[in-house]
């Protein structure tokens, strides 16, 4: 429970922010309660959709020093809340509306409805980028010759053997992007989807390759520090990819950018605390298939993000799939532990 104290503190502060800004928008008790309600809904939505993120982060954090693990919670939180949940939407609005980021932030407070319209208009480009990036993460986990532990053996064992085919994950992701983009009738929109999806693929390859090169050569303390910093950046990048759909969906609940940042920030802090709790208790080693469930969830999330370019995907579906897959992998892990305990 001690790992979740920061999340409790952030939740209280976020609720107070929700009450204050709800009252500013609508000076009444109802307005204050509506602000608090929005924070709670956003926090629950972000937490439910990010359980797989916590498991993936715990896996990566195991490769970092204790110092960088602590920095992930302290320095990573402002980056997650102010960067991805507040400034990132402003940068997108700035790029689309051809205005400065400061003008975009001003627009968010003065004309929140117009700000929300501009932000949601970029949904397809964001889904293309996030979908390809997350698909690369999921495929790189399953398509790996060195992967020995399998949950759904009949699928994973065959997929693992494909790891010997160079560039297979990138090829499959590019194929999925091409199929999605050519299903879009508008030519300009199709080009935008191809561009941002391609940026997602290239970003993953560059970050992963640079990260592997630095960590692989980490013989000196200086290089290890650089590797720790890059891993930290990689974690923040993954967190951002997971939050793309949440940031877009948040505008369906409220147009207030501060309430959105506060609500999603609570979810981000809960995920970070959950990650550290799993890391300290070595949950991934104790429950062997939970990690598999998380990556299956990422795989489905990536597919749904690409599919959302063509059809509206309800938020409850994404969260439900994650809960079912991670819950199923947990039950399978418990069953395996019982079998091992009774085996001679």
C-alpha atoms as a PDB file:
ATOM      1  CA  UNK A   1       0.000   0.000   0.000  1.00  0.00           C
ATOM      2  CA  UNK A   2       2.904   2.367   0.689  1.00  0.00           C
ATOM      3  CA  UNK A   3       3.699   2.419  -3.033  1.00  0.00           C
ATOM      4  CA  UNK A   4       0.323   4.081  -3.690  1.00  0.00           C
ATOM      5  CA  UNK A   5       0.687   7.008  -1.238  1.00  0.00           C
ATOM      6  CA  UNK A   6       1.807   9.384  -4.041  1.00  0.00           C
ATOM      7  CA  UNK A   7      -1.261   8.387  -6.081  1.00  0.00           C
ATOM      8  CA  UNK A   8      -3.548   9.149  -3.115  1.00  0.00           C
ATOM      9  CA  UNK A   9      -1.983  12.601  -2.666  1.00  0.00           C
ATOM     10  CA  UNK A  10      -2.258  13.372  -6.395  1.00  0.00           C
ATOM     11  CA  UNK A  11      -5.896  12.185  -6.382  1.00  0.00           C
ATOM     12  CA  UNK A  12      -6.827  14.589  -3.576  1.00  0.00           C
ATOM     13  CA  UNK A  13      -5.094  17.509  -5.319  1.00  0.00           C
ATOM     14  CA  UNK A  14      -6.749  16.613  -8.650  1.00  0.00           C
ATOM     15  CA  UNK A  15     -10.196  16.502  -7.029  1.00  0.00           C
ATOM     16  CA  UNK A  16      -9.628  19.956  -5.520  1.00  0.00           C
ATOM     17  CA  UNK A  17      -8.566  21.235  -8.963  1.00  0.00           C
ATOM     18  CA  UNK A  18     -11.690  19.692 -10.474  1.00  0.00           C
ATOM     19  CA  UNK A  19     -13.913  21.346  -7.888  1.00  0.00           C
ATOM     20  CA  UNK A  20     -12.199  24.734  -8.343  1.00  0.00           C
ATOM     21  CA  UNK A  21     -12.270  24.799 -12.146  1.00  0.00           C
ATOM     22  CA  UNK A  22     -15.761  23.308 -12.236  1.00  0.00           C
ATOM     23  CA  UNK A  23     -16.936  26.166 -10.030  1.00  0.00           C
ATOM     24  CA  UNK A  24     -15.110  28.736 -12.214  1.00  0.00           C
ATOM     25  CA  UNK A  25     -16.860  27.394 -15.314  1.00  0.00           C
ATOM     26  CA  UNK A  26     -20.243  27.161 -13.609  1.00  0.00           C
ATOM     27  CA  UNK A  27     -20.341  29.146 -10.320  1.00  0.00           C
ATOM     28  CA  UNK A  28     -22.515  26.777  -8.305  1.00  0.00           C
ATOM     29  CA  UNK A  29     -22.355  23.650  -6.213  1.00  0.00           C
ATOM     30  CA  UNK A  30     -23.504  21.666  -9.251  1.00  0.00           C
ATOM     31  CA  UNK A  31     -20.609  23.071 -11.286  1.00  0.00           C
ATOM     32  CA  UNK A  32     -18.083  22.144  -8.586  1.00  0.00           C
ATOM     33  CA  UNK A  33     -19.497  18.607  -8.319  1.00  0.00           C
ATOM     34  CA  UNK A  34     -19.465  18.272 -12.110  1.00  0.00           C
ATOM     35  CA  UNK A  35     -15.773  19.201 -12.160  1.00  0.00           C
ATOM     36  CA  UNK A  36     -14.974  16.618  -9.485  1.00  0.00           C
ATOM     37  CA  UNK A  37     -17.040  13.991 -11.321  1.00  0.00           C
ATOM     38  CA  UNK A  38     -15.108  14.639 -14.551  1.00  0.00           C
ATOM     39  CA  UNK A  39     -11.799  14.134 -12.734  1.00  0.00           C
ATOM     40  CA  UNK A  40     -13.003  10.813 -11.267  1.00  0.00           C
ATOM     41  CA  UNK A  41     -14.285   9.514 -14.623  1.00  0.00           C
ATOM     42  CA  UNK A  42     -11.083  10.500 -16.436  1.00  0.00           C
ATOM     43  CA  UNK A  43      -8.914   8.949 -13.718  1.00  0.00           C
ATOM     44  CA  UNK A  44     -10.835   5.644 -13.840  1.00  0.00           C
ATOM     45  CA  UNK A  45     -10.723   5.617 -17.644  1.00  0.00           C
ATOM     46  CA  UNK A  46      -6.968   6.210 -17.762  1.00  0.00           C
ATOM     47  CA  UNK A  47      -6.275   3.627 -15.041  1.00  0.00           C
ATOM     48  CA  UNK A  48      -8.434   0.913 -16.642  1.00  0.00           C
ATOM     49  CA  UNK A  49      -6.854   1.439 -20.063  1.00  0.00           C
ATOM     50  CA  UNK A  50      -3.276   1.600 -18.756  1.00  0.00           C
ATOM     51  CA  UNK A  51      -2.917  -1.586 -16.712  1.00  0.00           C
ATOM     52  CA  UNK A  52      -0.983  -3.134 -19.590  1.00  0.00           C
ATOM     53  CA  UNK A  53       1.226  -0.034 -19.628  1.00  0.00           C
ATOM     54  CA  UNK A  54       2.166  -0.639 -15.986  1.00  0.00           C
ATOM     55  CA  UNK A  55       3.215  -4.226 -16.727  1.00  0.00           C
ATOM     56  CA  UNK A  56       5.304  -3.220 -19.747  1.00  0.00           C
ATOM     57  CA  UNK A  57       6.924  -0.393 -17.780  1.00  0.00           C
ATOM     58  CA  UNK A  58       7.811  -2.774 -14.930  1.00  0.00           C
ATOM     59  CA  UNK A  59       9.517  -5.053 -17.442  1.00  0.00           C
ATOM     60  CA  UNK A  60      11.650  -2.181 -18.770  1.00  0.00           C
ATOM     61  CA  UNK A  61      12.346  -0.679 -15.338  1.00  0.00           C
ATOM     62  CA  UNK A  62      14.023  -3.933 -14.286  1.00  0.00           C
ATOM     63  CA  UNK A  63      16.896  -3.011 -16.620  1.00  0.00           C
ATOM     64  CA  UNK A  64      17.428   0.388 -14.929  1.00  0.00           C
ATOM     65  CA  UNK A  65      19.316   1.351 -11.803  1.00  0.00           C
ATOM     66  CA  UNK A  66      17.425   2.178  -8.612  1.00  0.00           C
ATOM     67  CA  UNK A  67      18.278   5.857  -9.072  1.00  0.00           C
ATOM     68  CA  UNK A  68      16.573   5.975 -12.480  1.00  0.00           C
ATOM     69  CA  UNK A  69      13.640   3.964 -11.157  1.00  0.00           C
ATOM     70  CA  UNK A  70      13.027   6.715  -8.582  1.00  0.00           C
ATOM     71  CA  UNK A  71      13.450   9.392 -11.225  1.00  0.00           C
ATOM     72  CA  UNK A  72      10.783   7.640 -13.265  1.00  0.00           C
ATOM     73  CA  UNK A  73       8.269   8.402 -10.494  1.00  0.00           C
ATOM     74  CA  UNK A  74       9.490  11.890  -9.546  1.00  0.00           C
ATOM     75  CA  UNK A  75      10.596  13.531 -12.800  1.00  0.00           C
ATOM     76  CA  UNK A  76       8.472  11.357 -15.048  1.00  0.00           C
ATOM     77  CA  UNK A  77       5.214  12.487 -13.457  1.00  0.00           C
ATOM     78  CA  UNK A  78       5.452  16.177 -14.475  1.00  0.00           C
ATOM     79  CA  UNK A  79       6.421  15.043 -17.976  1.00  0.00           C
ATOM     80  CA  UNK A  80       3.402  12.740 -18.112  1.00  0.00           C
ATOM     81  CA  UNK A  81       0.879  15.283 -16.808  1.00  0.00           C
ATOM     82  CA  UNK A  82       2.155  18.631 -18.098  1.00  0.00           C
ATOM     83  CA  UNK A  83       3.794  17.204 -21.198  1.00  0.00           C
ATOM     84  CA  UNK A  84       1.506  14.510 -22.606  1.00  0.00           C
ATOM     85  CA  UNK A  85      -1.823  15.455 -21.003  1.00  0.00           C
ATOM     86  CA  UNK A  86      -1.619  19.269 -21.303  1.00  0.00           C
ATOM     87  CA  UNK A  87       1.116  20.561 -23.626  1.00  0.00           C
ATOM     88  CA  UNK A  88       0.871  17.758 -26.184  1.00  0.00           C
ATOM     89  CA  UNK A  89      -2.761  18.585 -27.136  1.00  0.00           C
ATOM     90  CA  UNK A  90      -1.791  22.289 -27.308  1.00  0.00           C
ATOM     91  CA  UNK A  91       1.074  21.484 -29.717  1.00  0.00           C
ATOM     92  CA  UNK A  92      -1.305  19.501 -31.934  1.00  0.00           C
ATOM     93  CA  UNK A  93      -3.829  22.349 -31.981  1.00  0.00           C
ATOM     94  CA  UNK A  94      -0.980  24.750 -32.688  1.00  0.00           C
ATOM     95  CA  UNK A  95       0.165  22.729 -35.700  1.00  0.00           C
ATOM     96  CA  UNK A  96      -3.328  22.247 -37.147  1.00  0.00           C
ATOM     97  CA  UNK A  97      -4.548  25.818 -36.637  1.00  0.00           C
ATOM     98  CA  UNK A  98      -1.171  27.358 -37.659  1.00  0.00           C
ATOM     99  CA  UNK A  99      -0.886  29.320 -34.415  1.00  0.00           C
ATOM    100  CA  UNK A 100       1.760  29.450 -31.679  1.00  0.00           C
ATOM    101  CA  UNK A 101       1.570  26.969 -28.771  1.00  0.00           C
ATOM    102  CA  UNK A 102       0.883  29.879 -26.412  1.00  0.00           C
ATOM    103  CA  UNK A 103      -2.052  30.959 -28.582  1.00  0.00           C
ATOM    104  CA  UNK A 104      -3.306  27.375 -28.514  1.00  0.00           C
ATOM    105  CA  UNK A 105      -3.173  27.327 -24.699  1.00  0.00           C
ATOM    106  CA  UNK A 106      -4.979  30.677 -24.608  1.00  0.00           C
ATOM    107  CA  UNK A 107      -7.605  29.277 -26.983  1.00  0.00           C
ATOM    108  CA  UNK A 108      -8.084  26.289 -24.660  1.00  0.00           C
ATOM    109  CA  UNK A 109      -9.177  28.590 -21.837  1.00  0.00           C
ATOM    110  CA  UNK A 110     -11.071  31.219 -23.837  1.00  0.00           C
ATOM    111  CA  UNK A 111     -12.776  28.982 -26.419  1.00  0.00           C
ATOM    112  CA  UNK A 112     -12.624  25.415 -25.085  1.00  0.00           C
ATOM    113  CA  UNK A 113     -15.253  24.096 -27.531  1.00  0.00           C
ATOM    114  CA  UNK A 114     -13.305  25.347 -30.550  1.00  0.00           C
ATOM    115  CA  UNK A 115     -10.084  23.988 -29.023  1.00  0.00           C
ATOM    116  CA  UNK A 116     -11.741  20.568 -28.595  1.00  0.00           C
ATOM    117  CA  UNK A 117     -12.956  20.565 -32.206  1.00  0.00           C
ATOM    118  CA  UNK A 118      -9.446  21.243 -33.525  1.00  0.00           C
ATOM    119  CA  UNK A 119      -7.947  18.603 -31.244  1.00  0.00           C
ATOM    120  CA  UNK A 120     -10.394  15.866 -32.204  1.00  0.00           C
ATOM    121  CA  UNK A 121      -9.926  16.679 -35.899  1.00  0.00           C
ATOM    122  CA  UNK A 122      -6.381  15.260 -35.554  1.00  0.00           C
ATOM    123  CA  UNK A 123      -7.707  11.936 -34.230  1.00  0.00           C
ATOM    124  CA  UNK A 124      -6.842   9.917 -37.344  1.00  0.00           C
ATOM    125  CA  UNK A 125      -3.236  11.130 -37.532  1.00  0.00           C
ATOM    126  CA  UNK A 126      -2.699  10.462 -33.822  1.00  0.00           C
ATOM    127  CA  UNK A 127      -4.301   7.008 -34.137  1.00  0.00           C
ATOM    128  CA  UNK A 128      -2.023   6.194 -37.090  1.00  0.00           C
ATOM    129  CA  UNK A 129       1.103   7.188 -35.154  1.00  0.00           C
ATOM    130  CA  UNK A 130       0.092   5.538 -31.872  1.00  0.00           C
ATOM    131  CA  UNK A 131      -1.301   2.436 -33.585  1.00  0.00           C
ATOM    132  CA  UNK A 132       1.871   1.672 -35.560  1.00  0.00           C
ATOM    133  CA  UNK A 133       4.164   2.443 -32.617  1.00  0.00           C
ATOM    134  CA  UNK A 134       2.235   0.152 -30.246  1.00  0.00           C
ATOM    135  CA  UNK A 135       1.921  -2.542 -32.913  1.00  0.00           C
ATOM    136  CA  UNK A 136       5.714  -2.551 -33.277  1.00  0.00           C
ATOM    137  CA  UNK A 137       6.052  -2.951 -29.501  1.00  0.00           C
ATOM    138  CA  UNK A 138       3.632  -5.914 -29.386  1.00  0.00           C
ATOM    139  CA  UNK A 139       5.008  -7.710 -32.449  1.00  0.00           C
ATOM    140  CA  UNK A 140       8.615  -7.276 -31.297  1.00  0.00           C
ATOM    141  CA  UNK A 141       7.684  -9.080 -28.082  1.00  0.00           C
ATOM    142  CA  UNK A 142       6.019 -12.088 -29.719  1.00  0.00           C
ATOM    143  CA  UNK A 143       8.216 -12.345 -32.835  1.00  0.00           C
ATOM    144  CA  UNK A 144      11.435 -13.124 -30.975  1.00  0.00           C
ATOM    145  CA  UNK A 145      13.578 -16.246 -31.403  1.00  0.00           C
ATOM    146  CA  UNK A 146      14.884 -15.921 -27.832  1.00  0.00           C
ATOM    147  CA  UNK A 147      11.381 -15.993 -26.298  1.00  0.00           C
ATOM    148  CA  UNK A 148      10.989 -19.304 -24.445  1.00  0.00           C
ATOM    149  CA  UNK A 149       8.038 -18.746 -22.073  1.00  0.00           C
ATOM    150  CA  UNK A 150       4.682 -19.051 -23.876  1.00  0.00           C
ATOM    151  CA  UNK A 151       1.117 -18.632 -22.645  1.00  0.00           C
ATOM    152  CA  UNK A 152      -0.855 -19.560 -25.793  1.00  0.00           C
ATOM    153  CA  UNK A 153       1.807 -21.917 -27.085  1.00  0.00           C
ATOM    154  CA  UNK A 154       0.066 -22.830 -30.346  1.00  0.00           C
ATOM    155  CA  UNK A 155       0.280 -19.172 -31.425  1.00  0.00           C
ATOM    156  CA  UNK A 156       3.350 -17.825 -29.643  1.00  0.00           C
ATOM    157  CA  UNK A 157       5.737 -20.693 -30.471  1.00  0.00           C
ATOM    158  CA  UNK A 158       5.088 -20.245 -34.195  1.00  0.00           C
ATOM    159  CA  UNK A 159       5.322 -16.449 -33.957  1.00  0.00           C
ATOM    160  CA  UNK A 160       8.623 -16.659 -32.060  1.00  0.00           C
ATOM    161  CA  UNK A 161      10.226 -18.637 -34.902  1.00  0.00           C
ATOM    162  CA  UNK A 162       9.501 -15.723 -37.264  1.00  0.00           C
ATOM    163  CA  UNK A 163      11.989 -13.671 -35.253  1.00  0.00           C
ATOM    164  CA  UNK A 164      14.687 -14.985 -37.553  1.00  0.00           C
ATOM    165  CA  UNK A 165      13.118 -13.098 -40.472  1.00  0.00           C
ATOM    166  CA  UNK A 166      14.770  -9.669 -40.504  1.00  0.00           C
ATOM    167  CA  UNK A 167      12.312  -6.759 -40.461  1.00  0.00           C
ATOM    168  CA  UNK A 168       9.235  -8.990 -40.162  1.00  0.00           C
ATOM    169  CA  UNK A 169       7.582  -6.846 -37.446  1.00  0.00           C
ATOM    170  CA  UNK A 170       8.129  -3.657 -39.434  1.00  0.00           C
ATOM    171  CA  UNK A 171       6.795  -5.324 -42.575  1.00  0.00           C
ATOM    172  CA  UNK A 172       3.586  -6.510 -40.882  1.00  0.00           C
ATOM    173  CA  UNK A 173       3.040  -3.080 -39.314  1.00  0.00           C
ATOM    174  CA  UNK A 174       3.579  -1.328 -42.632  1.00  0.00           C
ATOM    175  CA  UNK A 175       1.136  -3.718 -44.301  1.00  0.00           C
ATOM    176  CA  UNK A 176      -1.505  -2.957 -41.641  1.00  0.00           C
ATOM    177  CA  UNK A 177      -0.919   0.766 -42.174  1.00  0.00           C
ATOM    178  CA  UNK A 178      -1.264   0.449 -45.958  1.00  0.00           C
ATOM    179  CA  UNK A 179      -4.508  -1.543 -45.677  1.00  0.00           C
ATOM    180  CA  UNK A 180      -5.938   1.024 -43.260  1.00  0.00           C
ATOM    181  CA  UNK A 181      -4.917   4.058 -45.295  1.00  0.00           C
ATOM    182  CA  UNK A 182      -6.216   2.717 -48.622  1.00  0.00           C
ATOM    183  CA  UNK A 183      -9.586   2.082 -47.002  1.00  0.00           C
ATOM    184  CA  UNK A 184      -9.866   5.877 -46.560  1.00  0.00           C
ATOM    185  CA  UNK A 185     -11.492   7.558 -49.559  1.00  0.00           C
ATOM    186  CA  UNK A 186     -10.071  11.066 -49.132  1.00  0.00           C
ATOM    187  CA  UNK A 187      -6.632  11.252 -50.801  1.00  0.00           C
ATOM    188  CA  UNK A 188      -5.201  13.982 -48.555  1.00  0.00           C
ATOM    189  CA  UNK A 189      -6.353  12.191 -45.410  1.00  0.00           C
ATOM    190  CA  UNK A 190      -4.852   8.964 -46.766  1.00  0.00           C
ATOM    191  CA  UNK A 191      -1.476  10.667 -47.251  1.00  0.00           C
ATOM    192  CA  UNK A 192      -1.598  12.090 -43.706  1.00  0.00           C
ATOM    193  CA  UNK A 193      -2.314   8.640 -42.264  1.00  0.00           C
ATOM    194  CA  UNK A 194       0.572   7.111 -44.222  1.00  0.00           C
ATOM    195  CA  UNK A 195       2.887   9.910 -43.094  1.00  0.00           C
ATOM    196  CA  UNK A 196       2.081   9.719 -39.380  1.00  0.00           C
ATOM    197  CA  UNK A 197       1.932   5.931 -39.365  1.00  0.00           C
ATOM    198  CA  UNK A 198       5.335   5.841 -41.043  1.00  0.00           C
ATOM    199  CA  UNK A 199       6.679   8.249 -38.427  1.00  0.00           C
ATOM    200  CA  UNK A 200       5.433   5.839 -35.728  1.00  0.00           C
ATOM    201  CA  UNK A 201       7.298   2.900 -37.297  1.00  0.00           C
ATOM    202  CA  UNK A 202      10.515   4.883 -37.821  1.00  0.00           C
ATOM    203  CA  UNK A 203      10.345   6.342 -34.294  1.00  0.00           C
ATOM    204  CA  UNK A 204      10.142   2.892 -32.725  1.00  0.00           C
ATOM    205  CA  UNK A 205      13.028   1.533 -34.829  1.00  0.00           C
ATOM    206  CA  UNK A 206      15.298   4.506 -34.140  1.00  0.00           C
ATOM    207  CA  UNK A 207      14.569   4.647 -30.398  1.00  0.00           C
ATOM    208  CA  UNK A 208      14.879   0.892 -29.926  1.00  0.00           C
ATOM    209  CA  UNK A 209      18.058   0.572 -31.965  1.00  0.00           C
ATOM    210  CA  UNK A 210      19.794   3.518 -30.271  1.00  0.00           C
ATOM    211  CA  UNK A 211      18.673   2.216 -26.882  1.00  0.00           C
ATOM    212  CA  UNK A 212      19.938  -1.309 -27.607  1.00  0.00           C
ATOM    213  CA  UNK A 213      23.261   0.046 -28.871  1.00  0.00           C
ATOM    214  CA  UNK A 214      23.916   2.196 -25.805  1.00  0.00           C
ATOM    215  CA  UNK A 215      22.756  -0.354 -23.222  1.00  0.00           C
ATOM    216  CA  UNK A 216      24.551  -3.153 -25.034  1.00  0.00           C
ATOM    217  CA  UNK A 217      27.825  -1.227 -24.808  1.00  0.00           C
ATOM    218  CA  UNK A 218      27.238  -0.091 -21.211  1.00  0.00           C
ATOM    219  CA  UNK A 219      30.674  -0.878 -19.801  1.00  0.00           C
ATOM    220  CA  UNK A 220      31.447   2.485 -18.223  1.00  0.00           C
ATOM    221  CA  UNK A 221      29.394   4.394 -15.671  1.00  0.00           C
ATOM    222  CA  UNK A 222      28.960   7.291 -18.095  1.00  0.00           C
ATOM    223  CA  UNK A 223      27.531   5.039 -20.790  1.00  0.00           C
ATOM    224  CA  UNK A 224      25.282   3.324 -18.260  1.00  0.00           C
ATOM    225  CA  UNK A 225      23.967   6.727 -17.208  1.00  0.00           C
ATOM    226  CA  UNK A 226      23.255   7.602 -20.817  1.00  0.00           C
ATOM    227  CA  UNK A 227      21.507   4.271 -21.200  1.00  0.00           C
ATOM    228  CA  UNK A 228      19.429   5.002 -18.084  1.00  0.00           C
ATOM    229  CA  UNK A 229      18.421   8.381 -19.470  1.00  0.00           C
ATOM    230  CA  UNK A 230      17.460   6.921 -22.844  1.00  0.00           C
ATOM    231  CA  UNK A 231      15.455   4.147 -21.203  1.00  0.00           C
ATOM    232  CA  UNK A 232      13.685   6.824 -19.165  1.00  0.00           C
ATOM    233  CA  UNK A 233      12.859   8.696 -22.400  1.00  0.00           C
ATOM    234  CA  UNK A 234      11.691   5.447 -23.991  1.00  0.00           C
ATOM    235  CA  UNK A 235       9.334   4.826 -21.061  1.00  0.00           C
ATOM    236  CA  UNK A 236       7.900   8.327 -21.389  1.00  0.00           C
ATOM    237  CA  UNK A 237       7.468   7.782 -25.121  1.00  0.00           C
ATOM    238  CA  UNK A 238       5.573   4.537 -24.478  1.00  0.00           C
ATOM    239  CA  UNK A 239       3.433   6.282 -21.860  1.00  0.00           C
ATOM    240  CA  UNK A 240       2.616   8.966 -24.409  1.00  0.00           C
ATOM    241  CA  UNK A 241       1.633   6.367 -27.008  1.00  0.00           C
ATOM    242  CA  UNK A 242      -0.714   4.701 -24.533  1.00  0.00           C
ATOM    243  CA  UNK A 243      -2.285   8.053 -23.606  1.00  0.00           C
ATOM    244  CA  UNK A 244      -3.067   9.216 -27.156  1.00  0.00           C
ATOM    245  CA  UNK A 245      -6.528   7.669 -27.280  1.00  0.00           C
ATOM    246  CA  UNK A 246      -7.289   8.757 -23.700  1.00  0.00           C
ATOM    247  CA  UNK A 247      -6.412  12.386 -24.459  1.00  0.00           C
ATOM    248  CA  UNK A 248      -8.704  12.410 -27.493  1.00  0.00           C
ATOM    249  CA  UNK A 249     -11.536  10.628 -25.656  1.00  0.00           C
ATOM    250  CA  UNK A 250     -11.258  12.996 -22.694  1.00  0.00           C
ATOM    251  CA  UNK A 251     -12.749  15.821 -24.748  1.00  0.00           C
ATOM    252  CA  UNK A 252     -16.008  13.870 -24.904  1.00  0.00           C
ATOM    253  CA  UNK A 253     -16.230  14.211 -21.113  1.00  0.00           C
ATOM    254  CA  UNK A 254     -15.070  17.812 -20.634  1.00  0.00           C
ATOM    255  CA  UNK A 255     -13.532  20.614 -22.696  1.00  0.00           C
ATOM    256  CA  UNK A 256     -11.549  22.046 -19.780  1.00  0.00           C
ATOM    257  CA  UNK A 257      -7.830  21.308 -20.445  1.00  0.00           C
ATOM    258  CA  UNK A 258      -6.905  21.655 -16.757  1.00  0.00           C
ATOM    259  CA  UNK A 259      -9.536  19.143 -15.620  1.00  0.00           C
ATOM    260  CA  UNK A 260      -8.433  16.777 -18.398  1.00  0.00           C
ATOM    261  CA  UNK A 261      -4.792  17.037 -17.276  1.00  0.00           C
ATOM    262  CA  UNK A 262      -5.794  16.546 -13.631  1.00  0.00           C
ATOM    263  CA  UNK A 263      -8.003  13.511 -14.259  1.00  0.00           C
ATOM    264  CA  UNK A 264      -5.627  11.761 -16.646  1.00  0.00           C
ATOM    265  CA  UNK A 265      -2.749  12.732 -14.351  1.00  0.00           C
ATOM    266  CA  UNK A 266      -4.301  10.723 -11.519  1.00  0.00           C
ATOM    267  CA  UNK A 267      -4.464   7.709 -13.812  1.00  0.00           C
ATOM    268  CA  UNK A 268      -0.838   8.253 -14.848  1.00  0.00           C
ATOM    269  CA  UNK A 269       0.287   8.369 -11.212  1.00  0.00           C
ATOM    270  CA  UNK A 270      -1.699   5.230 -10.333  1.00  0.00           C
ATOM    271  CA  UNK A 271      -0.001   3.443 -13.232  1.00  0.00           C
ATOM    272  CA  UNK A 272       3.434   4.564 -12.032  1.00  0.00           C
ATOM    273  CA  UNK A 273       2.728   3.427  -8.475  1.00  0.00           C
ATOM    274  CA  UNK A 274       1.386   0.119  -9.803  1.00  0.00           C
ATOM    275  CA  UNK A 275       4.553  -0.282 -11.865  1.00  0.00           C
ATOM    276  CA  UNK A 276       6.838   0.252  -8.871  1.00  0.00           C
ATOM    277  CA  UNK A 277       4.721  -2.064  -6.709  1.00  0.00           C
ATOM    278  CA  UNK A 278       5.042  -4.860  -9.291  1.00  0.00           C
ATOM    279  CA  UNK A 279       8.757  -4.181  -9.607  1.00  0.00           C
ATOM    280  CA  UNK A 280       9.414  -4.325  -5.858  1.00  0.00           C
ATOM    281  CA  UNK A 281       7.301  -7.462  -5.355  1.00  0.00           C
ATOM    282  CA  UNK A 282       8.694  -9.113  -8.513  1.00  0.00           C
ATOM    283  CA  UNK A 283       5.153  -9.857  -9.689  1.00  0.00           C
ATOM    284  CA  UNK A 284       6.237 -10.558 -13.269  1.00  0.00           C
ATOM    285  CA  UNK A 285       8.447 -13.416 -12.097  1.00  0.00           C
ATOM    286  CA  UNK A 286       5.794 -14.804  -9.735  1.00  0.00           C
ATOM    287  CA  UNK A 287       2.975 -14.696 -12.313  1.00  0.00           C
ATOM    288  CA  UNK A 288       4.605 -15.831 -15.541  1.00  0.00           C
ATOM    289  CA  UNK A 289       1.777 -15.090 -17.967  1.00  0.00           C
ATOM    290  CA  UNK A 290       0.745 -11.611 -16.806  1.00  0.00           C
ATOM    291  CA  UNK A 291       3.345 -10.062 -19.084  1.00  0.00           C
ATOM    292  CA  UNK A 292       1.924 -12.021 -22.020  1.00  0.00           C
ATOM    293  CA  UNK A 293      -1.563 -10.744 -21.230  1.00  0.00           C
ATOM    294  CA  UNK A 294      -0.274  -7.168 -21.244  1.00  0.00           C
ATOM    295  CA  UNK A 295       1.324  -7.535 -24.667  1.00  0.00           C
ATOM    296  CA  UNK A 296      -1.802  -9.194 -26.084  1.00  0.00           C
ATOM    297  CA  UNK A 297      -3.690  -6.149 -24.803  1.00  0.00           C
ATOM    298  CA  UNK A 298      -1.204  -3.820 -26.519  1.00  0.00           C
ATOM    299  CA  UNK A 299      -1.623  -5.808 -29.736  1.00  0.00           C
ATOM    300  CA  UNK A 300      -5.426  -5.442 -29.612  1.00  0.00           C
ATOM    301  CA  UNK A 301      -5.139  -1.759 -28.616  1.00  0.00           C
ATOM    302  CA  UNK A 302      -2.887  -1.060 -31.602  1.00  0.00           C
ATOM    303  CA  UNK A 303      -5.315  -2.799 -33.968  1.00  0.00           C
ATOM    304  CA  UNK A 304      -8.253  -0.877 -32.489  1.00  0.00           C
ATOM    305  CA  UNK A 305      -6.403   2.429 -32.833  1.00  0.00           C
ATOM    306  CA  UNK A 306      -5.867   1.754 -36.541  1.00  0.00           C
ATOM    307  CA  UNK A 307      -9.460   0.531 -36.891  1.00  0.00           C
ATOM    308  CA  UNK A 308     -10.729   3.726 -35.208  1.00  0.00           C
ATOM    309  CA  UNK A 309      -9.552   5.614 -38.310  1.00  0.00           C
ATOM    310  CA  UNK A 310     -12.326   3.860 -40.238  1.00  0.00           C
ATOM    311  CA  UNK A 311     -14.962   3.318 -37.530  1.00  0.00           C
ATOM    312  CA  UNK A 312     -15.701   4.735 -34.077  1.00  0.00           C
ATOM    313  CA  UNK A 313     -14.479   2.348 -31.369  1.00  0.00           C
ATOM    314  CA  UNK A 314     -16.175   2.703 -27.945  1.00  0.00           C
ATOM    315  CA  UNK A 315     -13.819   3.363 -25.035  1.00  0.00           C
ATOM    316  CA  UNK A 316     -15.383   0.656 -22.877  1.00  0.00           C
ATOM    317  CA  UNK A 317     -14.335  -1.972 -25.419  1.00  0.00           C
ATOM    318  CA  UNK A 318     -10.627  -1.176 -25.079  1.00  0.00           C
ATOM    319  CA  UNK A 319     -10.743  -1.203 -21.281  1.00  0.00           C
ATOM    320  CA  UNK A 320     -12.808  -4.399 -21.164  1.00  0.00           C
ATOM    321  CA  UNK A 321     -10.453  -6.285 -23.479  1.00  0.00           C
ATOM    322  CA  UNK A 322      -7.492  -5.268 -21.323  1.00  0.00           C
ATOM    323  CA  UNK A 323      -9.187  -6.426 -18.117  1.00  0.00           C
ATOM    324  CA  UNK A 324     -10.202  -9.768 -19.678  1.00  0.00           C
ATOM    325  CA  UNK A 325      -6.760 -10.539 -21.150  1.00  0.00           C
ATOM    326  CA  UNK A 326      -4.735  -9.466 -18.111  1.00  0.00           C
ATOM    327  CA  UNK A 327      -7.224 -11.149 -15.765  1.00  0.00           C
ATOM    328  CA  UNK A 328      -7.085 -14.327 -17.841  1.00  0.00           C
ATOM    329  CA  UNK A 329      -3.288 -14.328 -17.870  1.00  0.00           C
ATOM    330  CA  UNK A 330      -3.286 -13.860 -14.089  1.00  0.00           C
ATOM    331  CA  UNK A 331      -5.612 -16.840 -13.574  1.00  0.00           C
ATOM    332  CA  UNK A 332      -3.463 -18.927 -15.932  1.00  0.00           C
ATOM    333  CA  UNK A 333      -0.351 -17.935 -13.955  1.00  0.00           C
ATOM    334  CA  UNK A 334      -1.953 -18.968 -10.654  1.00  0.00           C
ATOM    335  CA  UNK A 335      -2.994 -22.285 -12.199  1.00  0.00           C
ATOM    336  CA  UNK A 336       0.545 -22.877 -13.437  1.00  0.00           C
ATOM    337  CA  UNK A 337       2.002 -22.112  -9.987  1.00  0.00           C
ATOM    338  CA  UNK A 338      -0.373 -24.631  -8.395  1.00  0.00           C
ATOM    339  CA  UNK A 339       0.603 -27.288 -10.916  1.00  0.00           C
ATOM    340  CA  UNK A 340       4.298 -26.648 -10.289  1.00  0.00           C
ATOM    341  CA  UNK A 341       3.729 -26.840  -6.530  1.00  0.00           C
ATOM    342  CA  UNK A 342       2.110 -30.280  -6.847  1.00  0.00           C
ATOM    343  CA  UNK A 343       4.554 -31.676  -9.391  1.00  0.00           C
ATOM    344  CA  UNK A 344       7.416 -33.856  -8.031  1.00  0.00           C
END
